[in-house]
Protein backbone atom coordinates (compact mmCIF):
# COMPACT_ATOMS: atom_id res chain seq x y z
CA MET A 1 88.41 54.24 93.62
CA ALA A 2 89.45 53.66 97.25
CA ASP A 3 93.09 53.42 96.22
CA ASN A 4 92.83 56.74 94.38
CA VAL A 5 91.36 58.44 97.44
CA THR A 6 93.92 57.14 99.94
CA SER A 7 96.80 57.89 97.54
CA LEU A 8 95.97 61.59 97.89
CA PHE A 9 97.24 61.49 101.48
CA ARG A 10 100.57 59.99 100.45
CA SER A 11 101.12 62.82 97.95
CA THR A 12 100.75 65.60 100.56
CA ALA A 13 103.55 66.84 102.78
CA ALA A 14 102.42 68.82 105.83
CA HIS A 15 98.65 68.86 105.36
CA SER A 16 95.72 66.70 104.31
CA PRO A 17 94.24 66.80 100.80
CA SER A 18 91.39 69.23 100.24
CA MET A 19 87.77 68.18 100.46
CA ALA A 20 87.38 69.11 96.78
CA ALA A 21 90.17 66.70 95.81
CA LEU A 22 88.64 63.91 97.89
CA ALA A 23 85.22 64.51 96.32
CA ARG A 24 86.69 64.38 92.79
CA GLU A 25 88.30 60.99 93.48
CA SER A 26 85.17 59.51 95.09
CA ASP A 27 81.57 59.47 93.92
CA GLY A 28 81.26 63.24 94.30
CA ALA A 29 79.92 63.18 97.87
CA GLY A 30 82.43 64.08 100.54
CA PRO A 31 82.90 62.10 103.77
CA VAL A 32 81.86 63.20 107.26
CA ASP A 33 84.66 65.60 108.12
CA PHE A 34 86.58 65.08 111.37
CA CYS A 35 89.70 66.57 109.78
CA ILE A 36 89.16 70.27 108.97
CA PRO A 37 88.83 72.22 112.26
CA CYS A 38 85.96 74.63 111.63
CA ASN A 39 82.74 75.54 113.45
CA PRO A 40 79.94 73.12 112.38
CA TYR A 41 77.16 75.40 113.71
CA PHE A 42 78.02 78.67 111.96
CA PRO A 43 77.01 80.23 109.62
CA THR A 44 73.38 79.39 110.20
CA PRO A 45 71.21 77.93 107.39
CA ALA A 46 69.58 81.35 107.02
CA MET A 47 72.96 82.97 106.44
CA PHE A 48 73.83 80.40 103.78
CA GLU A 49 70.50 81.08 102.08
CA ASP A 50 71.26 84.80 102.08
CA MET A 51 74.68 84.23 100.49
CA ALA A 52 73.17 81.88 97.91
CA ALA A 53 70.55 84.47 96.95
CA ARG A 54 73.29 87.05 96.36
CA LEU A 55 75.76 84.66 94.74
CA ARG A 56 75.60 86.27 91.29
CA ASP A 57 76.53 89.73 92.54
CA ILE A 58 79.15 88.37 94.97
CA ILE A 59 81.13 86.58 92.29
CA THR A 60 80.52 89.07 89.48
CA TYR A 61 81.86 92.30 90.97
CA TYR A 62 85.05 93.44 92.62
CA PRO A 63 85.00 93.62 96.41
CA SER A 64 85.56 96.85 98.28
CA SER A 65 89.12 97.71 99.22
CA ALA A 66 90.78 95.89 102.08
CA ASP A 67 90.68 99.14 104.10
CA THR A 68 86.88 99.27 103.85
CA ILE A 69 86.42 95.65 104.95
CA THR A 70 88.99 96.04 107.75
CA ALA A 71 87.23 99.17 109.03
CA GLU A 72 83.93 97.24 109.27
CA LEU A 73 85.58 94.37 111.15
CA CYS A 74 87.30 96.79 113.54
CA SER A 75 83.99 98.52 114.21
CA LEU A 76 82.53 95.14 115.08
CA LEU A 77 85.43 94.13 117.35
CA ARG A 78 86.08 97.63 118.73
CA LEU A 79 89.68 97.69 117.62
CA PRO A 80 91.54 100.68 116.13
CA PRO A 81 91.94 100.06 112.38
CA GLN A 82 95.55 101.27 112.42
CA CYS A 83 96.40 98.27 114.66
CA VAL A 84 94.82 95.65 112.37
CA ALA A 85 95.80 94.02 109.08
CA MET A 86 93.42 91.61 107.35
CA GLY A 87 94.75 88.84 105.15
CA ASN A 88 93.50 86.27 102.68
CA GLY A 89 93.61 83.67 105.43
CA SER A 90 96.02 83.53 108.36
CA THR A 91 98.52 81.72 106.14
CA GLU A 92 98.98 84.86 104.02
CA LEU A 93 99.76 86.82 107.18
CA ILE A 94 102.23 84.16 108.36
CA THR A 95 103.96 84.45 104.99
CA TRP A 96 104.33 88.25 105.28
CA ILE A 97 105.44 88.01 108.92
CA ASP A 98 108.21 85.67 107.80
CA HIS A 99 109.30 87.83 104.84
CA LEU A 100 109.19 91.16 106.68
CA LEU A 101 109.94 90.48 110.34
CA VAL A 102 111.89 87.19 110.68
CA ARG A 103 115.52 87.96 109.91
CA GLU A 104 117.42 84.78 110.73
CA SER A 105 115.76 82.44 113.24
CA LEU A 106 112.40 81.48 114.70
CA ALA A 107 111.53 79.28 117.69
CA VAL A 108 108.31 77.29 117.87
CA PRO A 109 107.09 74.40 120.04
CA VAL A 110 106.33 71.22 118.08
CA PRO A 111 104.05 69.62 117.14
CA THR A 112 102.16 72.67 115.91
CA PHE A 113 100.57 74.22 112.82
CA GLY A 114 102.82 73.25 109.91
CA ARG A 115 103.23 76.72 108.39
CA TRP A 116 105.09 77.94 111.47
CA THR A 117 107.86 75.42 110.75
CA ASP A 118 107.68 75.17 106.96
CA GLN A 119 107.34 78.83 105.96
CA PRO A 120 110.58 80.13 107.56
CA MET A 121 112.52 77.04 106.49
CA GLU A 122 111.40 77.61 102.91
CA THR A 123 112.97 81.10 103.03
CA GLY A 124 116.24 79.87 104.51
CA LYS A 125 115.69 80.77 108.18
CA ARG A 126 116.82 78.63 111.08
CA VAL A 127 113.84 77.06 112.87
CA ASP A 128 114.51 76.10 116.49
CA MET A 129 111.93 73.47 117.42
CA PHE A 130 111.10 73.03 121.10
CA PRO A 131 109.67 69.48 121.53
CA LEU A 132 106.50 69.19 123.61
CA GLN A 133 106.63 66.08 125.78
CA GLU A 134 104.01 63.35 125.69
CA SER A 135 104.84 62.60 129.34
CA SER A 136 103.43 66.02 130.33
CA GLY A 137 100.39 65.84 128.05
CA PHE A 138 102.11 68.04 125.44
CA ALA A 139 101.81 71.02 127.80
CA LEU A 140 104.11 73.95 127.00
CA ASP A 141 106.41 74.92 129.89
CA LEU A 142 107.07 78.62 129.28
CA ALA A 143 110.06 78.74 131.65
CA GLN A 144 111.85 75.97 129.78
CA TYR A 145 110.81 77.43 126.43
CA GLY A 146 112.33 80.77 127.46
CA GLU A 147 115.60 79.10 128.49
CA PHE A 148 115.63 77.23 125.19
CA ILE A 149 115.23 80.48 123.25
CA ARG A 150 118.11 82.07 125.20
CA ALA A 151 120.38 79.07 124.70
CA ARG A 152 119.74 79.01 120.97
CA GLY A 153 119.95 82.77 120.52
CA THR A 154 116.63 82.79 118.64
CA ARG A 155 115.30 86.16 117.48
CA VAL A 156 111.59 85.37 116.98
CA ALA A 157 109.34 83.30 119.26
CA VAL A 158 105.95 81.78 118.39
CA ILE A 159 103.24 80.49 120.74
CA CYS A 160 99.99 78.96 119.49
CA ASN A 161 97.23 79.24 122.09
CA PRO A 162 95.44 76.86 121.97
CA ASN A 163 98.03 74.78 120.18
CA ASN A 164 97.24 72.75 117.08
CA PRO A 165 97.05 69.70 117.12
CA ASP A 166 96.85 69.01 120.87
CA GLY A 167 94.63 71.89 122.03
CA GLY A 168 97.00 72.88 124.85
CA PHE A 169 96.05 76.15 126.57
CA LEU A 170 98.03 78.84 128.41
CA HIS A 171 96.40 81.42 130.68
CA LYS A 172 96.60 85.07 129.75
CA HIS A 173 98.77 86.18 132.69
CA ALA A 174 101.43 83.59 131.80
CA ILE A 175 101.60 84.72 128.17
CA VAL A 176 101.84 88.39 129.16
CA GLN A 177 104.67 87.51 131.52
CA PHE A 178 106.42 85.64 128.68
CA MET A 179 105.98 88.58 126.28
CA ASP A 180 107.60 90.94 128.76
CA ALA A 181 110.48 88.53 129.40
CA MET A 182 111.08 88.36 125.62
CA ALA A 183 110.89 92.14 125.08
CA ASP A 184 114.40 92.16 123.57
CA LEU A 185 113.52 89.75 120.75
CA ASP A 186 112.79 90.97 117.24
CA LEU A 187 109.26 89.58 117.45
CA VAL A 188 106.89 87.50 119.58
CA VAL A 189 103.86 86.01 117.78
CA ILE A 190 100.84 84.72 119.68
CA ASP A 191 98.67 82.68 117.32
CA GLU A 192 95.13 82.74 118.72
CA SER A 193 93.46 81.09 115.74
CA PHE A 194 91.43 78.71 117.91
CA LEU A 195 91.08 80.81 121.06
CA GLU A 196 87.37 81.53 120.70
CA PHE A 197 86.60 77.87 121.36
CA ALA A 198 88.33 78.01 124.77
CA ASP A 199 86.34 78.21 128.01
CA ALA A 200 89.10 77.89 130.61
CA GLU A 201 89.24 81.68 131.03
CA VAL A 202 86.66 84.42 130.49
CA GLU A 203 88.96 86.85 128.66
CA PRO A 204 91.96 84.87 127.38
CA SER A 205 93.07 87.03 124.44
CA VAL A 206 96.16 89.26 124.65
CA VAL A 207 95.24 91.60 121.76
CA GLN A 208 95.00 94.65 124.02
CA GLU A 209 98.42 93.91 125.51
CA ALA A 210 99.91 93.37 122.05
CA MET A 211 98.91 96.85 120.86
CA LEU A 212 100.96 98.39 123.69
CA ARG A 213 104.17 96.47 122.98
CA PRO A 214 106.67 97.18 120.19
CA ASN A 215 107.46 93.57 119.22
CA VAL A 216 104.24 91.54 119.64
CA ILE A 217 101.76 90.36 117.01
CA VAL A 218 98.54 88.47 117.74
CA LEU A 219 97.21 86.39 114.88
CA ARG A 220 93.54 85.42 114.65
CA SER A 221 91.52 83.36 112.17
CA LEU A 222 87.98 84.08 111.03
CA GLY A 223 87.51 81.02 108.83
CA LYS A 224 87.92 78.55 111.70
CA ASN A 225 85.63 80.41 114.09
CA PHE A 226 82.94 81.10 111.51
CA GLY A 227 83.13 77.70 109.80
CA LEU A 228 84.19 79.28 106.50
CA HIS A 229 87.66 78.01 105.60
CA GLY A 230 86.95 78.44 101.91
CA ILE A 231 86.49 82.20 102.17
CA ARG A 232 90.08 82.68 103.43
CA PHE A 233 90.14 85.57 105.85
CA GLY A 234 92.00 86.31 109.05
CA TYR A 235 93.61 89.27 110.78
CA LEU A 236 96.51 90.31 112.98
CA VAL A 237 96.65 92.86 115.80
CA ALA A 238 99.80 94.78 116.74
CA ASN A 239 101.03 98.29 117.48
CA PRO A 240 100.43 100.70 114.57
CA ALA A 241 104.00 100.49 113.29
CA LEU A 242 104.06 96.69 113.04
CA ALA A 243 100.51 96.38 111.72
CA GLY A 244 101.12 99.16 109.20
CA ARG A 245 104.28 97.51 107.93
CA VAL A 246 102.39 94.32 107.11
CA ARG A 247 99.33 96.18 105.81
CA SER A 248 101.46 98.24 103.40
CA MET A 249 102.62 95.06 101.64
CA LEU A 250 99.14 93.59 101.10
CA PRO A 251 97.35 94.06 97.76
CA LYS A 252 94.49 96.53 97.71
CA TRP A 253 92.01 93.76 96.86
CA ASN A 254 93.54 90.88 98.80
CA LEU A 255 90.11 90.16 100.37
CA ASN A 256 87.42 88.60 98.19
CA SER A 257 83.76 89.51 97.86
CA PHE A 258 82.61 86.55 99.96
CA ALA A 259 84.78 87.80 102.83
CA GLU A 260 83.29 91.26 102.49
CA HIS A 261 79.73 89.93 102.45
CA VAL A 262 80.28 87.82 105.57
CA VAL A 263 81.98 90.61 107.53
CA PHE A 264 79.08 92.95 106.84
CA MET A 265 76.58 90.23 107.84
CA LEU A 266 78.18 89.52 111.21
CA LYS A 267 76.74 92.44 113.17
CA GLU A 268 73.27 90.94 112.73
CA HIS A 269 74.23 87.45 113.91
CA GLY A 270 76.15 87.90 117.16
CA THR A 271 73.67 85.83 119.18
CA GLU A 272 73.81 82.88 116.79
CA TYR A 273 77.62 83.00 116.83
CA GLN A 274 77.69 82.98 120.62
CA GLN A 275 75.37 79.98 120.70
CA SER A 276 77.54 78.10 118.20
CA LEU A 277 80.63 78.50 120.40
CA HIS A 278 78.80 77.24 123.48
CA GLN A 279 77.54 74.22 121.54
CA VAL A 280 81.05 73.36 120.32
CA ARG A 281 82.34 73.46 123.90
CA ARG A 282 79.55 71.15 125.09
CA ASP A 283 80.20 68.79 122.18
CA ARG A 284 83.93 68.75 122.99
CA MET A 285 83.23 67.47 126.50
CA ASP A 286 80.79 64.84 125.28
CA MET A 287 83.09 63.69 122.47
CA SER A 288 86.07 63.42 124.83
CA GLY A 289 84.07 61.20 127.16
CA GLN A 290 82.92 58.88 124.39
CA LEU A 291 86.40 58.51 122.90
CA SER A 292 87.98 57.92 126.31
CA SER A 293 85.79 54.85 126.75
CA LEU A 294 87.60 53.05 123.90
CA PRO A 295 90.23 50.63 125.28
CA GLY A 296 93.79 51.82 124.88
CA LEU A 297 92.83 55.19 123.37
CA THR A 298 94.22 58.27 125.15
CA VAL A 299 92.44 61.63 124.77
CA TYR A 300 94.45 64.73 125.70
CA PRO A 301 92.87 67.84 127.29
CA SER A 302 91.96 70.42 124.67
CA GLN A 303 90.67 73.98 124.55
CA GLY A 304 90.34 73.97 120.76
CA ASN A 305 87.55 72.61 118.60
CA PHE A 306 89.46 69.36 118.13
CA LEU A 307 90.85 66.51 120.25
CA PHE A 308 94.32 64.98 120.04
CA VAL A 309 94.22 61.23 120.62
CA ARG A 310 96.86 58.52 120.88
CA LEU A 311 95.91 55.23 119.28
CA PRO A 312 96.32 51.94 121.16
CA VAL A 313 99.73 50.29 121.08
CA GLY A 314 100.31 48.65 117.72
CA ALA A 315 97.74 50.71 115.79
CA GLU A 316 99.05 52.24 112.58
CA GLY A 317 97.57 55.70 112.02
CA THR A 318 97.69 55.59 108.23
CA VAL A 319 95.87 52.25 108.19
CA VAL A 320 93.24 53.58 110.61
CA ARG A 321 92.81 56.74 108.51
CA ASP A 322 92.45 54.88 105.22
CA ARG A 323 90.00 52.31 106.58
CA MET A 324 87.90 54.93 108.34
CA LEU A 325 87.62 56.75 105.01
CA THR A 326 87.04 53.83 102.65
CA GLU A 327 84.91 51.63 104.94
CA HIS A 328 83.03 54.23 107.01
CA ARG A 329 83.29 57.46 104.94
CA LEU A 330 84.80 59.31 107.90
CA LEU A 331 87.75 61.64 107.32
CA VAL A 332 90.21 61.84 110.25
CA ARG A 333 93.54 63.67 110.55
CA GLU A 334 96.47 61.30 110.96
CA CYS A 335 99.39 63.31 112.41
CA GLY A 336 102.41 61.36 111.17
CA ASN A 337 103.44 64.24 108.88
CA LYS A 338 103.49 66.79 111.72
CA ILE A 339 106.99 67.43 113.02
CA GLY A 340 107.15 66.29 116.65
CA SER A 341 104.25 63.86 116.24
CA SER A 342 103.94 60.40 114.71
CA SER A 343 101.42 58.21 112.94
CA ARG A 344 100.23 56.91 116.28
CA PHE A 345 98.30 60.17 116.84
CA LEU A 346 95.05 61.47 115.33
CA ARG A 347 93.48 64.92 115.53
CA LEU A 348 89.68 64.67 115.57
CA VAL A 349 87.52 67.75 115.03
CA VAL A 350 84.62 68.29 117.43
CA ARG A 351 81.32 67.54 115.71
CA PRO A 352 77.66 67.04 116.72
CA GLN A 353 76.84 63.99 118.81
CA VAL A 354 75.19 62.09 115.97
CA ASP A 355 78.45 62.23 114.00
CA VAL A 356 80.52 61.33 117.06
CA ARG A 357 78.50 58.15 117.61
CA ARG A 358 79.30 57.16 114.04
CA LEU A 359 82.98 57.95 114.62
CA VAL A 360 83.15 55.84 117.78
CA SER A 361 81.42 52.92 116.05
CA GLY A 362 83.86 53.13 113.14
CA LEU A 363 86.90 53.25 115.44
CA GLU A 364 85.63 50.23 117.36
CA GLN A 365 85.40 48.19 114.17
CA VAL A 366 88.71 49.35 112.74
CA LEU A 367 90.75 49.17 115.95
CA TYR A 368 89.32 46.06 117.57
CA GLY A 369 88.27 43.97 114.60
CA THR A 370 85.40 43.01 112.34
CA ALA A 371 84.54 39.71 110.77
CA ARG A 372 85.44 41.02 107.34
CA ARG A 373 88.78 42.76 107.80
CA GLY A 374 90.19 42.01 111.23
CA ALA A 375 91.63 44.51 113.69
CA ALA A 376 94.15 47.28 113.03
CA VAL A 377 95.61 46.68 116.50
CA PRO A 378 97.41 43.33 116.83
CA GLU A 379 96.80 41.15 119.85
CA GLN A 380 99.77 41.35 122.22
CA ALA A 381 100.00 37.59 122.53
CA THR A 382 99.58 36.56 118.88
CA GLY A 383 99.80 39.84 116.96
CA THR A 384 101.54 40.51 113.71
CA GLY A 385 104.45 42.83 113.08
CA TYR A 386 104.17 46.60 113.08
CA SER A 387 104.92 48.61 109.96
CA SER A 388 104.77 52.39 109.98
CA GLY A 389 103.54 54.30 106.96
CA THR A 390 105.51 57.32 108.21
CA ALA A 391 108.58 55.49 109.41
CA ALA A 392 110.97 58.40 109.00
CA VAL A 393 108.81 60.65 111.18
CA ASP A 394 108.54 57.91 113.81
CA ARG A 395 112.33 57.69 113.86
CA LEU A 396 112.54 61.46 114.31
CA VAL A 397 110.18 61.29 117.27
CA GLY A 398 112.13 58.36 118.65
CA GLU A 399 115.32 60.43 118.68
CA THR A 400 113.91 63.72 119.98
CA ASN A 401 110.73 63.17 121.94
CA GLY A 402 110.43 59.57 123.11
CA VAL A 403 110.45 56.10 121.68
CA GLY A 404 108.17 56.71 118.69
CA ALA A 405 105.33 54.53 117.50
CA GLN A 406 107.60 51.75 116.24
CA GLY A 407 109.31 51.42 119.59
CA LEU A 408 106.05 51.29 121.51
CA ALA A 409 104.63 48.67 119.19
CA ALA A 410 107.78 46.60 119.42
CA GLN A 411 107.49 46.58 123.20
CA ALA A 412 103.91 45.38 123.05
CA LEU A 413 104.78 42.61 120.62
CA GLY A 414 107.86 41.48 122.52
CA ALA A 415 110.30 42.50 119.80
CA GLY A 416 113.91 42.42 120.83
CA ALA A 417 115.48 44.90 118.43
CA GLY A 418 115.28 48.65 118.75
CA ALA A 419 113.92 50.91 116.09
CA PRO A 420 116.56 52.40 113.86
CA GLY A 421 117.51 56.01 114.46
CA LEU A 422 118.13 58.85 112.09
CA PRO A 423 121.71 59.64 111.09
CA ALA A 424 123.26 62.79 112.45
CA ALA A 425 122.13 66.02 110.82
CA PRO A 426 124.44 67.15 107.99
CA ALA A 427 124.94 70.67 109.31
CA ALA A 428 126.59 71.81 112.51
CA GLY A 429 124.82 74.17 114.82
CA ILE A 430 123.54 74.65 118.31
CA GLY A 431 122.07 71.46 119.64
CA MET A 432 118.67 70.63 121.09
CA PRO A 433 118.44 68.43 124.19
CA LEU A 434 117.42 64.84 123.65
CA THR A 435 114.98 63.55 126.23
CA ALA A 436 114.25 60.17 127.68
CA ALA A 437 111.19 58.18 126.69
CA PRO A 438 107.99 59.73 128.03
CA SER A 439 105.39 57.99 130.11
CA PRO A 440 102.57 56.62 127.98
CA VAL A 441 99.94 58.44 130.04
CA PRO A 442 100.13 62.23 130.56
CA VAL A 443 100.68 63.31 134.13
CA GLY A 444 97.66 64.73 135.83
CA THR A 445 95.27 64.34 132.92
CA GLY A 446 93.03 61.68 134.38
CA GLY A 447 93.52 59.31 131.49
CA GLY A 448 93.30 62.07 128.95
CA MET A 449 89.92 63.53 129.94
CA PRO A 450 89.80 67.35 129.73
CA MET A 451 89.30 69.17 133.01
CA PRO A 452 86.09 71.15 133.55
CA ALA A 453 86.39 74.88 133.07
CA ALA A 454 85.88 75.58 136.78
CA ALA A 455 88.81 73.39 137.70
CA SER A 456 91.19 74.99 135.23
CA SER A 457 90.22 78.62 135.35
CA GLY A 458 92.47 79.63 138.24
CA PRO A 459 95.83 81.33 137.76
CA GLN A 460 98.35 79.11 136.10
CA GLN A 461 101.59 78.65 138.01
CA MET A 462 104.69 78.74 135.89
CA PRO A 463 107.17 75.94 136.66
CA GLN A 464 110.17 76.91 138.73
CA GLN A 465 112.66 74.35 137.49
CA VAL A 466 114.68 73.58 134.44
CA SER A 467 117.93 71.71 134.18
CA SER A 468 121.50 72.81 134.76
CA PRO A 469 124.68 70.82 134.12
CA VAL A 470 125.55 68.45 136.95
CA SER A 471 128.46 66.03 137.21
CA PRO A 472 128.27 63.18 136.76
CA PRO A 473 124.53 62.30 136.58
CA PRO A 474 123.32 59.08 138.21
CA PRO A 475 122.02 56.34 135.90
CA PRO A 476 118.25 56.19 135.34
CA GLN A 477 116.29 53.81 137.52
CA PRO A 478 114.22 51.16 135.68
CA VAL A 479 110.58 50.61 136.56
CA GLN A 480 108.70 47.35 136.77
CA PRO A 481 107.29 46.08 133.48
CA GLN A 482 103.71 47.06 132.78
CA PRO A 483 101.53 45.44 130.10
CA VAL A 484 104.44 45.54 127.66
CA ARG A 485 107.07 42.87 127.50
CA GLN A 486 110.07 45.18 127.75
CA PRO A 487 110.75 47.34 130.86
CA VAL A 488 110.18 51.04 130.28
CA PRO A 489 112.82 53.49 131.60
CA GLN A 490 111.76 55.97 134.27
CA PRO A 491 110.64 59.20 132.52
CA VAL A 492 112.94 62.16 133.02
CA PRO A 493 111.64 65.75 132.91
CA GLN A 494 112.58 67.71 129.82
CA GLN A 495 116.11 69.03 130.12
CA VAL A 496 117.59 72.21 128.71
CA PRO A 497 121.32 71.71 129.34
CA GLN A 498 123.82 74.51 129.41
CA HIS A 499 126.29 72.42 127.42
CA ILE A 500 126.03 69.46 125.07
CA PRO A 501 128.71 66.74 125.26
CA GLN A 502 131.26 66.49 122.46
CA PRO A 503 130.56 64.37 120.53
CA PRO A 504 126.88 63.54 121.25
CA VAL A 505 126.11 59.94 122.07
CA PRO A 506 122.94 58.40 120.61
CA GLN A 507 120.15 58.01 123.14
CA GLN A 508 119.13 54.47 123.97
CA THR A 509 115.57 53.47 123.11
CA PRO A 510 113.35 51.46 125.48
CA GLN A 511 114.00 48.28 123.50
CA GLN A 512 117.01 46.19 124.23
CA MET A 513 119.80 47.64 122.06
CA PRO A 514 122.44 45.35 120.50
CA PRO A 515 125.77 45.42 122.37
CA GLN A 516 128.10 48.14 121.13
CA PRO A 517 131.86 47.64 121.00
CA MET A 518 132.51 51.24 121.99
CA ALA A 519 130.99 53.51 124.66
CA ALA A 520 127.74 52.74 126.49
CA PRO A 521 124.72 55.08 126.17
CA VAL A 522 124.91 58.26 128.20
CA PRO A 523 122.03 58.62 130.74
CA ALA A 524 119.95 61.78 130.80
CA PRO A 525 121.00 64.39 133.40
CA ALA A 526 118.97 64.83 136.57
CA PRO A 527 116.98 68.07 137.08
CA ALA A 528 118.40 70.89 139.16
CA PRO A 529 116.80 73.99 140.72
CA MET A 530 116.51 77.12 138.61
CA PRO A 531 115.69 80.77 139.27
CA ALA A 532 112.12 82.09 139.11
CA ALA A 533 110.25 81.37 135.90
CA ALA A 534 110.07 84.99 134.81
CA SER A 535 113.82 85.56 134.86
CA PHE A 536 114.71 83.70 131.62
CA ALA A 537 118.36 84.59 132.21
CA PRO A 538 120.63 84.17 129.17
CA SER A 539 122.73 81.02 129.21
CA PRO A 540 126.13 80.36 127.64
CA MET A 541 125.78 79.25 124.05
CA PRO A 542 126.32 75.48 123.78
CA THR A 543 128.56 74.03 121.11
CA GLY A 544 128.71 70.81 119.19
CA PRO A 545 126.98 69.07 116.33
CA THR A 546 123.25 69.37 115.95
CA PRO A 547 121.47 66.22 117.22
CA PRO A 548 119.56 64.06 114.72
CA GLY A 549 116.37 65.58 113.36
CA VAL A 550 117.07 69.13 114.55
CA PRO A 551 117.30 71.78 111.82
CA ALA A 552 120.28 74.12 111.92
CA ARG A 553 121.48 77.02 109.82
CA GLY A 554 122.00 75.61 106.35
CA GLY A 555 120.75 72.23 107.57
CA LEU A 556 117.68 70.13 106.86
CA THR A 557 114.82 71.21 104.63
CA ALA A 558 111.19 70.83 105.65
CA ALA A 559 110.86 67.70 103.51
CA GLN A 560 114.01 66.16 104.97
CA VAL A 561 112.87 66.82 108.53
CA ARG A 562 109.59 65.06 107.78
CA GLY A 563 111.44 62.20 106.15
CA THR A 564 109.46 62.55 102.94
CA ASP A 565 112.38 63.55 100.72
CA GLY A 566 112.91 60.63 98.35
CA LEU A 567 110.43 58.37 100.18
CA SER A 568 107.13 57.05 98.84
CA PRO A 569 106.05 56.83 101.92
CA ALA A 570 97.36 73.51 117.62
CA PRO A 571 87.34 82.64 123.56
CA ALA A 572 85.05 84.81 123.47
CA SER A 573 82.76 83.65 126.21
CA GLY A 574 79.98 85.87 127.41
CA TRP A 575 79.06 87.48 124.10
CA PRO A 576 76.51 90.29 124.34
CA ALA A 577 72.96 89.06 124.50
CA GLY A 578 71.69 91.58 121.95
CA ALA A 579 71.59 90.35 118.38
CA GLN A 580 72.91 93.70 117.13
CA SER A 581 76.01 93.88 119.35
CA TRP A 582 79.36 92.10 119.25
CA PRO A 583 82.30 92.04 121.68
CA GLU A 584 85.40 94.07 121.08
CA ALA A 585 88.47 92.13 119.99
CA ALA A 586 86.87 88.75 120.54
CA GLY A 587 85.88 89.27 124.14
CA VAL A 588 88.89 90.99 125.71
CA GLY A 589 87.07 93.44 127.95
CA GLN A 590 84.96 96.53 127.56
CA VAL A 591 86.50 99.68 126.16
CA VAL A 592 85.61 102.72 128.25
């Protein structure tokens, strides 16, 4: 039975198996869910009772038209209906955005929600992936992202705020500045699916700004906020031309009767919804503190309803996931199948404190040992070898965003050989910079603890530096060995070079590499001053082969990028106090 359950994860590509599939392969009772990121406090029990009492009518009859349901939602959010399109989940809207508005290329930071990488690749578009750096806590640098878009010549840019899986947050003024700098692109998409769980800013949404711009779409999810993933409903906001173009392609009855029933219930439950968001934010702080107390576990700051954690050195994420499920009936999200991540990372959904205590107890037993099974993390002095269940993804991360989980584990265990790299991509294209190994602890995160809202609510300063070509760069300076047996190279800030050497030279991993008969590894270039962050001046187009793991036009498929091809194996605060009133556009300011 346990083997059947865990095998479901190995048969999925970008996502986890559904709760229904897990229940069918177990005894019929699902595990405690730390995987699916929805609101655990909404709908209320009374709302569920109301839906249950009307179940026969809900599933027997057709729903109203999508226009009728959209008009009710817009009345609730105080948005003009001509600027809104509702979909059968945000994934349906992502699909239509790709088919209608993405002509040839799309840029997206990774790791992120899998449909933003997979959907355009499945329709033959070029996906330019901007790697978020572990050394900076996976924070998105908009200045460097803008330079990357210019260098690649990308026509569509995507930002997820907060980002899934790490919960990274960008302040409203910075996103508006980015939208204006990218006004010449075909499209800019701001995915705000998790924004209502944020508390770093009172009015963080950019829906009002999107309606005034010709090339901006804001995407929002209702299932995540309302704790109703199964109903499948979400919406986008844009200027009337863009919204109308998407709306014209949607079926007349693309929204189901459950979605209609919930939308028409919402106006009576604004107070309960507000209270649920506040409780999730309090639980997030408490859960972060409890997880941070576990030795070797890093918790990254998050403004979503989930936490991104890095397992201790030597821990295998797939082993931790399977044992948490089979031994403790706790479902966690192992992130080895997310492009730009590895199996050393988990995404854990924020849940009530009683569930979190059970999670922490389970992690303690799995990570640090029990009398029955032993620990998933080997002792550094006498530990066993490290074997990754998502080895191909770890190699991808090792080539593009640091040393990868295998390399880190090898350091801890004193291994002398480096982790193997991926071969060069089969298609030529414009290259992506390869970066040096990141520091194991994010800069300025205080060991991974999220900052209080008061400390992070001030204006966000956009970085003023990216890289420019220099000649010739000095070699990197080694640092003193830490707890690991191999010295770790000094981290180098993410570079966006103007040119890529011909031909590219493989980047050296932190492990001691075997001597090569030919050229020595090329050190990463040193940073150089850049113009102001808002300029995003176009750069000359680089040439040369695409580095390993980077998709190019006609290059790797989604499965090949993940390494699964042929292998077995990311708010509304201050809601109105009255139970009959809701904010407009998820708390973006009063409409006069």
